[in-house]
Amino acid sequence: MTNIAIIDYGMGNLRSVAKAFEHVAPQAQVRITHNRHDILAADRVVFPGQGSIRDCMRELAHAELIDVVQDAARNKPFLGLCLGPQALLDFSEENGGVECLKILPGRVVWFGELLDPASGERLKVPHMGWNQVHQVRDHLLWKGIPQDSRFYFVHSYYLQPTDEALTVGQSQYGFHFTVAIARDNLFAVQFHPEKSAQAGLRLLANFINWNP
């Protein structure tokens, strides 16, 4: 039986993520946990989150989970969701600047003042709602998901990886930006698959069956 640990550090819609995994993998054991031993013993690890990156890093430190997340991201099939991929990079501009987990090279950048390239009208920040994701590189977690499928987003900051090879998915909101990154055993997305209907559920199911 596959054992999935969803990391609980006090941030994120954990129940929604757990319910989505239970739906696509009823045979799996899905556990929301802040216990370091449970996380390190799990077959697969999910790192969700929403809100402020400063709060995220503070809560991870308070729960003594920073080294656990770093270990899991390097050694297990690992899925980051929403705030998750931002935390994996080196640094975020949010709140005057926050040091992140430094697992992947790159920065998290504020959208700033955005204009619609077609109409010239100002775009709202945060970027919120359904948007297309263009798969810029093949990956097993895209299996069965049509090109330019729509996923659900809520964010004011975006991923800016240093290594272009990390980018496996992009969206457009005033400009093209990275929304999915991957390397070895790690895959992380800016959007919410658990809120993204069939495309999101398929991505979660692909993660269950992924053996990097």
N, C-alpha and C. Protein backbone atom coordinates (compact mmCIF):
# COMPACT_ATOMS: atom_id res chain seq x y z
N MET A 1 0.84 -1.20 0.00
CA MET A 1 0.00 0.00 0.00
C MET A 1 0.88 1.25 0.00
N THR A 2 0.59 2.18 -0.90
CA THR A 2 1.33 3.42 -0.98
C THR A 2 0.99 4.32 0.21
N ASN A 3 2.02 4.86 0.83
CA ASN A 3 1.86 5.73 1.99
C ASN A 3 2.21 7.16 1.57
N ILE A 4 1.23 8.07 1.63
CA ILE A 4 1.41 9.45 1.21
C ILE A 4 1.36 10.36 2.43
N ALA A 5 2.40 11.14 2.65
CA ALA A 5 2.43 12.11 3.74
C ALA A 5 2.18 13.50 3.19
N ILE A 6 1.15 14.17 3.69
CA ILE A 6 0.88 15.57 3.37
C ILE A 6 1.39 16.39 4.54
N ILE A 7 2.39 17.22 4.30
CA ILE A 7 3.07 17.92 5.39
C ILE A 7 2.17 19.00 5.97
N ASP A 8 1.96 18.91 7.27
CA ASP A 8 1.13 19.87 8.00
C ASP A 8 2.03 20.77 8.83
N TYR A 9 2.18 22.01 8.37
CA TYR A 9 2.94 22.99 9.16
C TYR A 9 2.05 24.19 9.49
N GLY A 10 0.73 23.96 9.46
CA GLY A 10 -0.23 24.96 9.88
C GLY A 10 -0.71 25.89 8.79
N MET A 11 -0.35 25.61 7.51
CA MET A 11 -0.77 26.46 6.40
C MET A 11 -1.20 25.59 5.23
N GLY A 12 -2.28 25.99 4.56
CA GLY A 12 -2.72 25.27 3.38
C GLY A 12 -4.04 24.57 3.59
N ASN A 13 -4.72 24.32 2.49
CA ASN A 13 -6.02 23.63 2.56
C ASN A 13 -5.77 22.12 2.55
N LEU A 14 -5.30 21.63 3.67
CA LEU A 14 -4.82 20.25 3.78
C LEU A 14 -5.93 19.24 3.53
N ARG A 15 -7.12 19.51 4.05
CA ARG A 15 -8.21 18.54 3.89
C ARG A 15 -8.61 18.38 2.43
N SER A 16 -8.63 19.48 1.70
CA SER A 16 -8.98 19.40 0.28
C SER A 16 -7.96 18.57 -0.49
N VAL A 17 -6.69 18.78 -0.16
CA VAL A 17 -5.63 18.01 -0.82
C VAL A 17 -5.76 16.53 -0.47
N ALA A 18 -5.98 16.23 0.80
CA ALA A 18 -6.12 14.84 1.23
C ALA A 18 -7.32 14.17 0.56
N LYS A 19 -8.46 14.88 0.51
CA LYS A 19 -9.66 14.32 -0.11
C LYS A 19 -9.43 14.03 -1.59
N ALA A 20 -8.70 14.91 -2.27
CA ALA A 20 -8.42 14.68 -3.69
C ALA A 20 -7.57 13.44 -3.88
N PHE A 21 -6.56 13.25 -3.04
CA PHE A 21 -5.73 12.04 -3.14
C PHE A 21 -6.53 10.79 -2.80
N GLU A 22 -7.38 10.88 -1.81
CA GLU A 22 -8.22 9.72 -1.46
C GLU A 22 -9.15 9.36 -2.61
N HIS A 23 -9.57 10.36 -3.37
CA HIS A 23 -10.46 10.12 -4.51
C HIS A 23 -9.72 9.39 -5.64
N VAL A 24 -8.49 9.84 -5.95
CA VAL A 24 -7.78 9.25 -7.09
C VAL A 24 -7.03 7.97 -6.70
N ALA A 25 -6.79 7.77 -5.41
CA ALA A 25 -6.03 6.59 -4.96
C ALA A 25 -6.67 6.02 -3.71
N PRO A 26 -7.87 5.45 -3.82
CA PRO A 26 -8.56 4.94 -2.61
C PRO A 26 -7.80 3.84 -1.90
N GLN A 27 -6.87 3.19 -2.60
CA GLN A 27 -6.11 2.12 -1.98
C GLN A 27 -4.92 2.64 -1.19
N ALA A 28 -4.58 3.91 -1.33
CA ALA A 28 -3.41 4.47 -0.65
C ALA A 28 -3.75 4.89 0.77
N GLN A 29 -2.73 4.97 1.59
CA GLN A 29 -2.86 5.53 2.94
C GLN A 29 -2.42 6.98 2.87
N VAL A 30 -3.38 7.89 3.06
CA VAL A 30 -3.11 9.33 2.98
C VAL A 30 -3.12 9.90 4.39
N ARG A 31 -2.02 10.53 4.79
CA ARG A 31 -1.91 11.02 6.16
C ARG A 31 -1.46 12.47 6.16
N ILE A 32 -2.25 13.33 6.81
CA ILE A 32 -1.83 14.71 7.08
C ILE A 32 -1.02 14.67 8.37
N THR A 33 0.23 15.12 8.32
CA THR A 33 1.08 14.92 9.49
C THR A 33 2.15 16.00 9.62
N HIS A 34 2.50 16.32 10.86
CA HIS A 34 3.66 17.17 11.15
C HIS A 34 4.76 16.36 11.84
N ASN A 35 4.55 15.05 11.91
CA ASN A 35 5.52 14.17 12.57
C ASN A 35 6.67 13.86 11.62
N ARG A 36 7.86 14.26 11.99
CA ARG A 36 9.01 14.11 11.11
C ARG A 36 9.27 12.64 10.75
N HIS A 37 9.04 11.74 11.68
CA HIS A 37 9.29 10.33 11.42
C HIS A 37 8.28 9.77 10.40
N ASP A 38 7.03 10.19 10.49
CA ASP A 38 6.02 9.76 9.52
C ASP A 38 6.36 10.28 8.12
N ILE A 39 6.81 11.52 8.05
CA ILE A 39 7.15 12.11 6.75
C ILE A 39 8.34 11.38 6.14
N LEU A 40 9.37 11.15 6.93
CA LEU A 40 10.57 10.49 6.41
C LEU A 40 10.32 9.03 6.05
N ALA A 41 9.31 8.41 6.68
CA ALA A 41 8.99 7.01 6.39
C ALA A 41 8.01 6.85 5.24
N ALA A 42 7.39 7.93 4.79
CA ALA A 42 6.38 7.85 3.75
C ALA A 42 6.99 7.48 2.40
N ASP A 43 6.17 6.87 1.54
CA ASP A 43 6.61 6.54 0.18
C ASP A 43 6.65 7.78 -0.70
N ARG A 44 5.68 8.69 -0.48
CA ARG A 44 5.55 9.91 -1.28
C ARG A 44 5.20 11.06 -0.36
N VAL A 45 5.69 12.24 -0.70
CA VAL A 45 5.50 13.40 0.16
C VAL A 45 4.89 14.55 -0.64
N VAL A 46 3.89 15.20 -0.04
CA VAL A 46 3.23 16.36 -0.65
C VAL A 46 3.45 17.56 0.25
N PHE A 47 3.88 18.67 -0.35
CA PHE A 47 4.19 19.89 0.38
C PHE A 47 3.25 21.00 -0.11
N PRO A 48 2.07 21.17 0.53
CA PRO A 48 1.12 22.20 0.11
C PRO A 48 1.40 23.52 0.84
N GLY A 49 0.55 24.49 0.60
CA GLY A 49 0.69 25.75 1.31
C GLY A 49 -0.05 26.87 0.62
N GLN A 50 -0.42 27.86 1.39
CA GLN A 50 -1.01 29.08 0.84
C GLN A 50 -0.80 30.20 1.84
N GLY A 51 -0.77 31.44 1.35
CA GLY A 51 -0.53 32.57 2.24
C GLY A 51 0.86 33.15 2.06
N SER A 52 1.45 33.60 3.15
CA SER A 52 2.72 34.33 3.13
C SER A 52 3.91 33.39 3.23
N ILE A 53 4.93 33.66 2.41
CA ILE A 53 6.13 32.83 2.46
C ILE A 53 6.88 33.04 3.78
N ARG A 54 6.83 34.25 4.34
CA ARG A 54 7.48 34.48 5.64
C ARG A 54 6.83 33.61 6.71
N ASP A 55 5.49 33.55 6.69
CA ASP A 55 4.78 32.70 7.65
C ASP A 55 5.13 31.23 7.42
N CYS A 56 5.22 30.86 6.15
CA CYS A 56 5.56 29.47 5.81
C CYS A 56 6.92 29.08 6.40
N MET A 57 7.93 29.89 6.17
CA MET A 57 9.26 29.56 6.66
C MET A 57 9.30 29.59 8.19
N ARG A 58 8.58 30.52 8.80
CA ARG A 58 8.54 30.58 10.27
C ARG A 58 7.90 29.34 10.85
N GLU A 59 6.78 28.92 10.26
CA GLU A 59 6.08 27.74 10.79
C GLU A 59 6.86 26.46 10.56
N LEU A 60 7.54 26.35 9.41
CA LEU A 60 8.39 25.18 9.18
C LEU A 60 9.50 25.10 10.23
N ALA A 61 10.10 26.25 10.53
CA ALA A 61 11.16 26.28 11.54
C ALA A 61 10.60 25.94 12.92
N HIS A 62 9.43 26.51 13.24
CA HIS A 62 8.82 26.25 14.55
C HIS A 62 8.51 24.77 14.73
N ALA A 63 8.06 24.12 13.64
CA ALA A 63 7.73 22.70 13.69
C ALA A 63 8.95 21.80 13.52
N GLU A 64 10.13 22.41 13.35
CA GLU A 64 11.38 21.68 13.15
C GLU A 64 11.28 20.75 11.94
N LEU A 65 10.76 21.30 10.83
CA LEU A 65 10.54 20.49 9.64
C LEU A 65 11.38 20.93 8.44
N ILE A 66 12.20 21.96 8.58
CA ILE A 66 12.96 22.42 7.42
C ILE A 66 13.86 21.33 6.88
N ASP A 67 14.62 20.67 7.74
CA ASP A 67 15.51 19.60 7.26
C ASP A 67 14.73 18.41 6.72
N VAL A 68 13.53 18.19 7.27
CA VAL A 68 12.69 17.08 6.80
C VAL A 68 12.20 17.34 5.38
N VAL A 69 11.73 18.55 5.13
CA VAL A 69 11.29 18.91 3.77
C VAL A 69 12.46 18.81 2.80
N GLN A 70 13.61 19.32 3.19
CA GLN A 70 14.78 19.26 2.31
C GLN A 70 15.17 17.83 2.00
N ASP A 71 15.14 16.97 3.01
CA ASP A 71 15.48 15.55 2.82
C ASP A 71 14.48 14.87 1.89
N ALA A 72 13.18 15.10 2.14
CA ALA A 72 12.15 14.47 1.31
C ALA A 72 12.22 14.96 -0.13
N ALA A 73 12.50 16.24 -0.32
CA ALA A 73 12.55 16.80 -1.67
C ALA A 73 13.73 16.27 -2.47
N ARG A 74 14.71 15.74 -1.79
CA ARG A 74 15.89 15.20 -2.48
C ARG A 74 15.84 13.69 -2.65
N ASN A 75 14.97 13.02 -1.87
CA ASN A 75 15.08 11.56 -1.83
C ASN A 75 13.79 10.79 -2.10
N LYS A 76 12.64 11.47 -2.19
CA LYS A 76 11.37 10.77 -2.38
C LYS A 76 10.59 11.42 -3.52
N PRO A 77 9.65 10.68 -4.12
CA PRO A 77 8.71 11.37 -5.02
C PRO A 77 8.03 12.49 -4.23
N PHE A 78 8.18 13.71 -4.72
CA PHE A 78 7.83 14.90 -3.94
C PHE A 78 7.01 15.84 -4.81
N LEU A 79 5.88 16.29 -4.28
CA LEU A 79 4.98 17.18 -5.01
C LEU A 79 4.75 18.45 -4.20
N GLY A 80 5.11 19.60 -4.77
CA GLY A 80 4.86 20.88 -4.13
C GLY A 80 3.65 21.55 -4.76
N LEU A 81 2.80 22.17 -3.93
CA LEU A 81 1.57 22.78 -4.41
C LEU A 81 1.48 24.23 -3.95
N CYS A 82 1.14 25.13 -4.87
CA CYS A 82 0.86 26.55 -4.61
C CYS A 82 2.05 27.25 -3.95
N LEU A 83 2.02 27.45 -2.65
CA LEU A 83 3.16 28.07 -1.97
C LEU A 83 4.35 27.12 -1.92
N GLY A 84 4.08 25.82 -2.05
CA GLY A 84 5.13 24.81 -2.00
C GLY A 84 6.28 25.07 -2.95
N PRO A 85 6.02 25.26 -4.26
CA PRO A 85 7.15 25.50 -5.18
C PRO A 85 7.89 26.80 -4.88
N GLN A 86 7.19 27.83 -4.38
CA GLN A 86 7.88 29.07 -4.03
C GLN A 86 8.88 28.82 -2.90
N ALA A 87 8.47 28.05 -1.92
CA ALA A 87 9.35 27.77 -0.78
C ALA A 87 10.59 26.97 -1.19
N LEU A 88 10.52 26.24 -2.29
CA LEU A 88 11.63 25.41 -2.72
C LEU A 88 12.78 26.21 -3.31
N LEU A 89 12.50 27.45 -3.75
CA LEU A 89 13.53 28.26 -4.39
C LEU A 89 14.42 28.94 -3.34
N ASP A 90 15.36 29.76 -3.83
CA ASP A 90 16.35 30.37 -2.93
C ASP A 90 15.79 31.52 -2.12
N PHE A 91 14.97 32.37 -2.76
CA PHE A 91 14.65 33.66 -2.16
C PHE A 91 13.32 34.17 -2.71
N SER A 92 12.54 34.83 -1.88
CA SER A 92 11.29 35.47 -2.30
C SER A 92 11.35 36.97 -2.03
N GLU A 93 10.82 37.75 -2.96
CA GLU A 93 10.74 39.20 -2.77
C GLU A 93 9.67 39.60 -1.77
N GLU A 94 8.80 38.68 -1.42
CA GLU A 94 7.67 39.01 -0.54
C GLU A 94 8.16 39.53 0.82
N ASN A 95 7.39 40.49 1.37
CA ASN A 95 7.67 41.01 2.72
C ASN A 95 9.08 41.56 2.87
N GLY A 96 9.58 42.19 1.81
CA GLY A 96 10.91 42.79 1.89
C GLY A 96 12.05 41.82 1.66
N GLY A 97 11.74 40.57 1.40
CA GLY A 97 12.77 39.57 1.12
C GLY A 97 12.80 38.47 2.17
N VAL A 98 12.70 37.23 1.71
CA VAL A 98 12.68 36.07 2.61
C VAL A 98 13.57 34.98 2.03
N GLU A 99 14.47 34.46 2.84
CA GLU A 99 15.28 33.31 2.45
C GLU A 99 14.39 32.07 2.48
N CYS A 100 14.43 31.30 1.39
CA CYS A 100 13.59 30.10 1.29
C CYS A 100 14.44 28.84 1.51
N LEU A 101 13.99 27.70 1.03
CA LEU A 101 14.62 26.43 1.37
C LEU A 101 15.88 26.12 0.55
N LYS A 102 16.07 26.82 -0.57
CA LYS A 102 17.27 26.67 -1.40
C LYS A 102 17.45 25.25 -1.93
N ILE A 103 16.35 24.61 -2.25
CA ILE A 103 16.40 23.27 -2.84
C ILE A 103 16.61 23.36 -4.35
N LEU A 104 15.98 24.37 -4.97
CA LEU A 104 16.14 24.62 -6.40
C LEU A 104 16.58 26.07 -6.59
N PRO A 105 17.40 26.34 -7.60
CA PRO A 105 17.90 27.71 -7.80
C PRO A 105 16.84 28.62 -8.43
N GLY A 106 16.65 29.79 -7.82
CA GLY A 106 15.71 30.73 -8.39
C GLY A 106 15.12 31.66 -7.35
N ARG A 107 14.26 32.57 -7.83
CA ARG A 107 13.65 33.58 -6.98
C ARG A 107 12.13 33.56 -7.18
N VAL A 108 11.44 34.15 -6.21
CA VAL A 108 10.00 34.35 -6.29
C VAL A 108 9.77 35.85 -6.41
N VAL A 109 9.05 36.27 -7.46
CA VAL A 109 8.98 37.67 -7.85
C VAL A 109 7.54 38.15 -7.85
N TRP A 110 7.32 39.40 -7.41
CA TRP A 110 5.99 40.00 -7.43
C TRP A 110 5.56 40.32 -8.85
N PHE A 111 4.29 40.10 -9.15
CA PHE A 111 3.78 40.41 -10.49
C PHE A 111 3.92 41.90 -10.82
N GLY A 112 3.74 42.76 -9.85
CA GLY A 112 3.82 44.19 -10.12
C GLY A 112 2.60 44.69 -10.87
N GLU A 113 2.77 45.82 -11.58
CA GLU A 113 1.68 46.40 -12.37
C GLU A 113 1.63 45.69 -13.71
N LEU A 114 0.52 45.02 -13.97
CA LEU A 114 0.37 44.24 -15.19
C LEU A 114 -0.66 44.85 -16.12
N LEU A 115 -0.37 44.80 -17.42
CA LEU A 115 -1.32 45.25 -18.42
C LEU A 115 -1.65 44.11 -19.36
N ASP A 116 -2.91 44.03 -19.74
CA ASP A 116 -3.34 43.05 -20.74
C ASP A 116 -2.72 43.44 -22.08
N PRO A 117 -1.90 42.56 -22.69
CA PRO A 117 -1.25 42.92 -23.95
C PRO A 117 -2.23 43.16 -25.09
N ALA A 118 -3.43 42.61 -24.99
CA ALA A 118 -4.41 42.79 -26.06
C ALA A 118 -5.20 44.09 -25.90
N SER A 119 -5.68 44.35 -24.68
CA SER A 119 -6.55 45.51 -24.46
C SER A 119 -5.83 46.71 -23.87
N GLY A 120 -4.67 46.48 -23.24
CA GLY A 120 -3.96 47.55 -22.56
C GLY A 120 -4.52 47.86 -21.19
N GLU A 121 -5.56 47.15 -20.77
CA GLU A 121 -6.16 47.39 -19.47
C GLU A 121 -5.32 46.74 -18.36
N ARG A 122 -5.40 47.35 -17.18
CA ARG A 122 -4.64 46.82 -16.05
C ARG A 122 -5.23 45.48 -15.59
N LEU A 123 -4.37 44.53 -15.32
CA LEU A 123 -4.78 43.22 -14.83
C LEU A 123 -4.74 43.21 -13.31
N LYS A 124 -5.66 42.49 -12.72
CA LYS A 124 -5.73 42.43 -11.27
C LYS A 124 -4.64 41.53 -10.70
N VAL A 125 -4.11 41.93 -9.59
CA VAL A 125 -3.19 41.11 -8.80
C VAL A 125 -3.80 41.02 -7.40
N PRO A 126 -4.01 39.82 -6.85
CA PRO A 126 -3.46 38.53 -7.31
C PRO A 126 -4.08 38.00 -8.59
N HIS A 127 -3.28 37.19 -9.27
CA HIS A 127 -3.76 36.39 -10.39
C HIS A 127 -4.63 35.29 -9.79
N MET A 128 -5.92 35.34 -10.08
CA MET A 128 -6.84 34.41 -9.42
C MET A 128 -7.86 33.89 -10.41
N GLY A 129 -8.06 32.58 -10.39
CA GLY A 129 -9.05 31.94 -11.24
C GLY A 129 -8.41 30.90 -12.16
N TRP A 130 -9.14 30.54 -13.20
CA TRP A 130 -8.71 29.49 -14.11
C TRP A 130 -7.82 30.07 -15.20
N ASN A 131 -6.74 29.36 -15.49
CA ASN A 131 -5.84 29.79 -16.56
C ASN A 131 -5.24 28.56 -17.23
N GLN A 132 -4.90 28.72 -18.49
CA GLN A 132 -4.29 27.62 -19.23
C GLN A 132 -2.85 27.39 -18.79
N VAL A 133 -2.45 26.14 -18.79
CA VAL A 133 -1.07 25.77 -18.53
C VAL A 133 -0.51 25.10 -19.78
N HIS A 134 0.55 25.69 -20.30
CA HIS A 134 1.20 25.14 -21.49
C HIS A 134 2.38 24.28 -21.06
N GLN A 135 2.36 23.04 -21.47
CA GLN A 135 3.42 22.10 -21.11
C GLN A 135 4.62 22.35 -22.03
N VAL A 136 5.68 22.93 -21.49
CA VAL A 136 6.84 23.29 -22.31
C VAL A 136 7.88 22.17 -22.37
N ARG A 137 7.70 21.17 -21.53
CA ARG A 137 8.60 20.02 -21.54
C ARG A 137 7.82 18.78 -21.14
N ASP A 138 8.11 17.67 -21.79
CA ASP A 138 7.42 16.42 -21.47
C ASP A 138 7.76 15.99 -20.05
N HIS A 139 6.77 15.45 -19.38
CA HIS A 139 6.98 14.90 -18.04
C HIS A 139 5.87 13.90 -17.79
N LEU A 140 6.17 12.84 -17.04
CA LEU A 140 5.17 11.81 -16.78
C LEU A 140 3.97 12.34 -16.00
N LEU A 141 4.14 13.42 -15.25
CA LEU A 141 2.98 13.95 -14.52
C LEU A 141 2.01 14.70 -15.42
N TRP A 142 2.42 14.97 -16.66
CA TRP A 142 1.49 15.55 -17.65
C TRP A 142 0.72 14.48 -18.41
N LYS A 143 1.02 13.21 -18.18
CA LYS A 143 0.40 12.14 -18.95
C LYS A 143 -1.13 12.21 -18.89
N GLY A 144 -1.76 12.18 -20.06
CA GLY A 144 -3.21 12.19 -20.13
C GLY A 144 -3.85 13.54 -19.91
N ILE A 145 -3.05 14.59 -19.73
CA ILE A 145 -3.58 15.94 -19.55
C ILE A 145 -3.38 16.71 -20.85
N PRO A 146 -4.45 17.11 -21.51
CA PRO A 146 -4.31 17.80 -22.80
C PRO A 146 -3.50 19.09 -22.68
N GLN A 147 -2.77 19.38 -23.73
CA GLN A 147 -2.02 20.64 -23.78
C GLN A 147 -2.96 21.82 -23.55
N ASP A 148 -2.49 22.80 -22.80
CA ASP A 148 -3.24 24.04 -22.50
C ASP A 148 -4.52 23.80 -21.70
N SER A 149 -4.52 22.74 -20.89
CA SER A 149 -5.64 22.53 -19.96
C SER A 149 -5.65 23.65 -18.93
N ARG A 150 -6.82 23.89 -18.35
CA ARG A 150 -6.97 24.97 -17.38
C ARG A 150 -6.85 24.44 -15.95
N PHE A 151 -6.15 25.22 -15.13
CA PHE A 151 -5.98 24.91 -13.72
C PHE A 151 -6.32 26.16 -12.91
N TYR A 152 -6.55 25.97 -11.61
CA TYR A 152 -7.00 27.06 -10.76
C TYR A 152 -5.82 27.69 -10.00
N PHE A 153 -5.73 29.03 -10.05
CA PHE A 153 -4.62 29.79 -9.45
C PHE A 153 -5.13 30.80 -8.44
N VAL A 154 -4.30 31.06 -7.42
CA VAL A 154 -4.47 32.22 -6.54
C VAL A 154 -3.07 32.61 -6.07
N HIS A 155 -2.48 33.69 -6.65
CA HIS A 155 -1.14 34.09 -6.23
C HIS A 155 -0.80 35.49 -6.74
N SER A 156 0.05 36.18 -5.99
CA SER A 156 0.54 37.51 -6.35
C SER A 156 2.02 37.49 -6.74
N TYR A 157 2.69 36.37 -6.49
CA TYR A 157 4.11 36.21 -6.79
C TYR A 157 4.27 35.00 -7.70
N TYR A 158 5.31 35.02 -8.53
CA TYR A 158 5.50 33.93 -9.48
C TYR A 158 6.92 33.39 -9.42
N LEU A 159 7.10 32.20 -9.94
CA LEU A 159 8.38 31.50 -9.91
C LEU A 159 9.30 32.02 -11.01
N GLN A 160 10.54 32.24 -10.65
CA GLN A 160 11.55 32.65 -11.63
C GLN A 160 12.81 31.79 -11.42
N PRO A 161 12.77 30.53 -11.91
CA PRO A 161 13.91 29.65 -11.71
C PRO A 161 15.13 30.14 -12.48
N THR A 162 16.31 29.95 -11.89
CA THR A 162 17.55 30.35 -12.55
C THR A 162 17.86 29.47 -13.74
N ASP A 163 17.58 28.19 -13.61
CA ASP A 163 17.84 27.21 -14.66
C ASP A 163 16.57 27.01 -15.48
N GLU A 164 16.58 27.41 -16.75
CA GLU A 164 15.39 27.29 -17.59
C GLU A 164 14.93 25.84 -17.74
N ALA A 165 15.86 24.90 -17.59
CA ALA A 165 15.51 23.49 -17.74
C ALA A 165 14.56 23.01 -16.65
N LEU A 166 14.45 23.76 -15.55
CA LEU A 166 13.53 23.38 -14.48
C LEU A 166 12.07 23.58 -14.88
N THR A 167 11.82 24.50 -15.79
CA THR A 167 10.44 24.84 -16.16
C THR A 167 9.83 23.77 -17.04
N VAL A 168 8.69 23.22 -16.59
CA VAL A 168 7.96 22.23 -17.39
C VAL A 168 6.56 22.72 -17.75
N GLY A 169 6.15 23.87 -17.18
CA GLY A 169 4.84 24.42 -17.50
C GLY A 169 4.84 25.93 -17.35
N GLN A 170 4.09 26.61 -18.25
CA GLN A 170 3.97 28.05 -18.21
C GLN A 170 2.52 28.48 -18.35
N SER A 171 2.21 29.66 -17.84
CA SER A 171 0.93 30.31 -18.11
C SER A 171 1.21 31.73 -18.59
N GLN A 172 0.17 32.40 -19.02
CA GLN A 172 0.31 33.79 -19.45
C GLN A 172 -0.68 34.66 -18.68
N TYR A 173 -0.15 35.72 -18.09
CA TYR A 173 -0.98 36.72 -17.41
C TYR A 173 -0.22 38.04 -17.53
N GLY A 174 -0.42 38.71 -18.63
CA GLY A 174 0.38 39.88 -18.96
C GLY A 174 1.67 39.51 -19.65
N PHE A 175 2.25 38.39 -19.28
CA PHE A 175 3.47 37.84 -19.87
C PHE A 175 3.52 36.35 -19.54
N HIS A 176 4.42 35.63 -20.17
CA HIS A 176 4.57 34.20 -19.88
C HIS A 176 5.41 34.03 -18.62
N PHE A 177 4.97 33.16 -17.73
CA PHE A 177 5.71 32.92 -16.51
C PHE A 177 5.63 31.44 -16.14
N THR A 178 6.60 30.99 -15.35
CA THR A 178 6.71 29.59 -14.95
C THR A 178 5.65 29.24 -13.91
N VAL A 179 4.95 28.13 -14.13
CA VAL A 179 3.97 27.65 -13.15
C VAL A 179 4.20 26.21 -12.73
N ALA A 180 5.14 25.52 -13.37
CA ALA A 180 5.45 24.14 -12.99
C ALA A 180 6.95 23.92 -13.17
N ILE A 181 7.58 23.37 -12.14
CA ILE A 181 9.00 23.09 -12.18
C ILE A 181 9.24 21.63 -11.80
N ALA A 182 10.31 21.07 -12.33
CA ALA A 182 10.60 19.66 -12.05
C ALA A 182 12.09 19.39 -12.15
N ARG A 183 12.56 18.49 -11.31
CA ARG A 183 13.93 17.98 -11.39
C ARG A 183 13.98 16.66 -10.66
N ASP A 184 14.48 15.64 -11.36
CA ASP A 184 14.64 14.31 -10.76
C ASP A 184 13.33 13.84 -10.11
N ASN A 185 13.31 13.70 -8.78
CA ASN A 185 12.16 13.14 -8.06
C ASN A 185 11.17 14.22 -7.61
N LEU A 186 11.38 15.46 -8.06
CA LEU A 186 10.59 16.58 -7.55
C LEU A 186 9.76 17.21 -8.67
N PHE A 187 8.50 17.50 -8.34
CA PHE A 187 7.59 18.19 -9.26
C PHE A 187 6.78 19.17 -8.42
N ALA A 188 6.67 20.42 -8.86
CA ALA A 188 5.96 21.42 -8.05
C ALA A 188 5.21 22.38 -8.97
N VAL A 189 4.00 22.75 -8.54
CA VAL A 189 3.14 23.58 -9.37
C VAL A 189 2.59 24.76 -8.57
N GLN A 190 2.46 25.90 -9.25
CA GLN A 190 1.93 27.10 -8.61
C GLN A 190 0.42 27.02 -8.41
N PHE A 191 -0.25 26.26 -9.26
CA PHE A 191 -1.71 26.17 -9.19
C PHE A 191 -2.16 25.14 -8.15
N HIS A 192 -3.48 25.02 -8.01
CA HIS A 192 -4.09 24.09 -7.06
C HIS A 192 -4.69 22.90 -7.83
N PRO A 193 -4.00 21.79 -7.96
CA PRO A 193 -4.60 20.65 -8.65
C PRO A 193 -5.85 20.13 -7.96
N GLU A 194 -5.89 20.22 -6.62
CA GLU A 194 -7.04 19.70 -5.87
C GLU A 194 -8.31 20.51 -6.14
N LYS A 195 -8.17 21.70 -6.76
CA LYS A 195 -9.32 22.53 -7.11
C LYS A 195 -9.50 22.65 -8.61
N SER A 196 -8.79 21.82 -9.37
CA SER A 196 -8.72 21.99 -10.83
C SER A 196 -9.42 20.90 -11.62
N ALA A 197 -10.50 20.37 -11.07
CA ALA A 197 -11.36 19.42 -11.79
C ALA A 197 -10.54 18.24 -12.32
N GLN A 198 -10.91 17.73 -13.50
CA GLN A 198 -10.33 16.48 -13.99
C GLN A 198 -8.85 16.60 -14.29
N ALA A 199 -8.41 17.73 -14.82
CA ALA A 199 -6.98 17.89 -15.12
C ALA A 199 -6.16 17.81 -13.85
N GLY A 200 -6.64 18.46 -12.79
CA GLY A 200 -5.92 18.43 -11.52
C GLY A 200 -5.90 17.05 -10.90
N LEU A 201 -7.04 16.37 -10.96
CA LEU A 201 -7.09 15.01 -10.41
C LEU A 201 -6.18 14.06 -11.18
N ARG A 202 -6.10 14.26 -12.50
CA ARG A 202 -5.22 13.41 -13.30
C ARG A 202 -3.76 13.63 -12.90
N LEU A 203 -3.39 14.87 -12.65
CA LEU A 203 -2.01 15.15 -12.23
C LEU A 203 -1.70 14.44 -10.90
N LEU A 204 -2.66 14.49 -9.96
CA LEU A 204 -2.45 13.82 -8.67
C LEU A 204 -2.36 12.31 -8.85
N ALA A 205 -3.20 11.76 -9.72
CA ALA A 205 -3.13 10.33 -10.00
C ALA A 205 -1.80 9.96 -10.64
N ASN A 206 -1.30 10.81 -11.53
CA ASN A 206 0.00 10.56 -12.15
C ASN A 206 1.11 10.56 -11.10
N PHE A 207 0.99 11.44 -10.11
CA PHE A 207 2.00 11.48 -9.05
C PHE A 207 2.02 10.17 -8.27
N ILE A 208 0.86 9.62 -8.02
CA ILE A 208 0.77 8.35 -7.28
C ILE A 208 1.51 7.24 -8.04
N ASN A 209 1.43 7.27 -9.36
CA ASN A 209 2.01 6.21 -10.19
C ASN A 209 3.41 6.52 -10.69
N TRP A 210 3.94 7.66 -10.29
CA TRP A 210 5.26 8.11 -10.78
C TRP A 210 6.37 7.44 -9.98
N ASN A 211 7.33 6.87 -10.70
CA ASN A 211 8.47 6.24 -10.05
C ASN A 211 9.77 6.80 -10.61
N PRO A 212 10.14 7.99 -10.14
CA PRO A 212 11.35 8.65 -10.67
C PRO A 212 12.63 7.91 -10.28
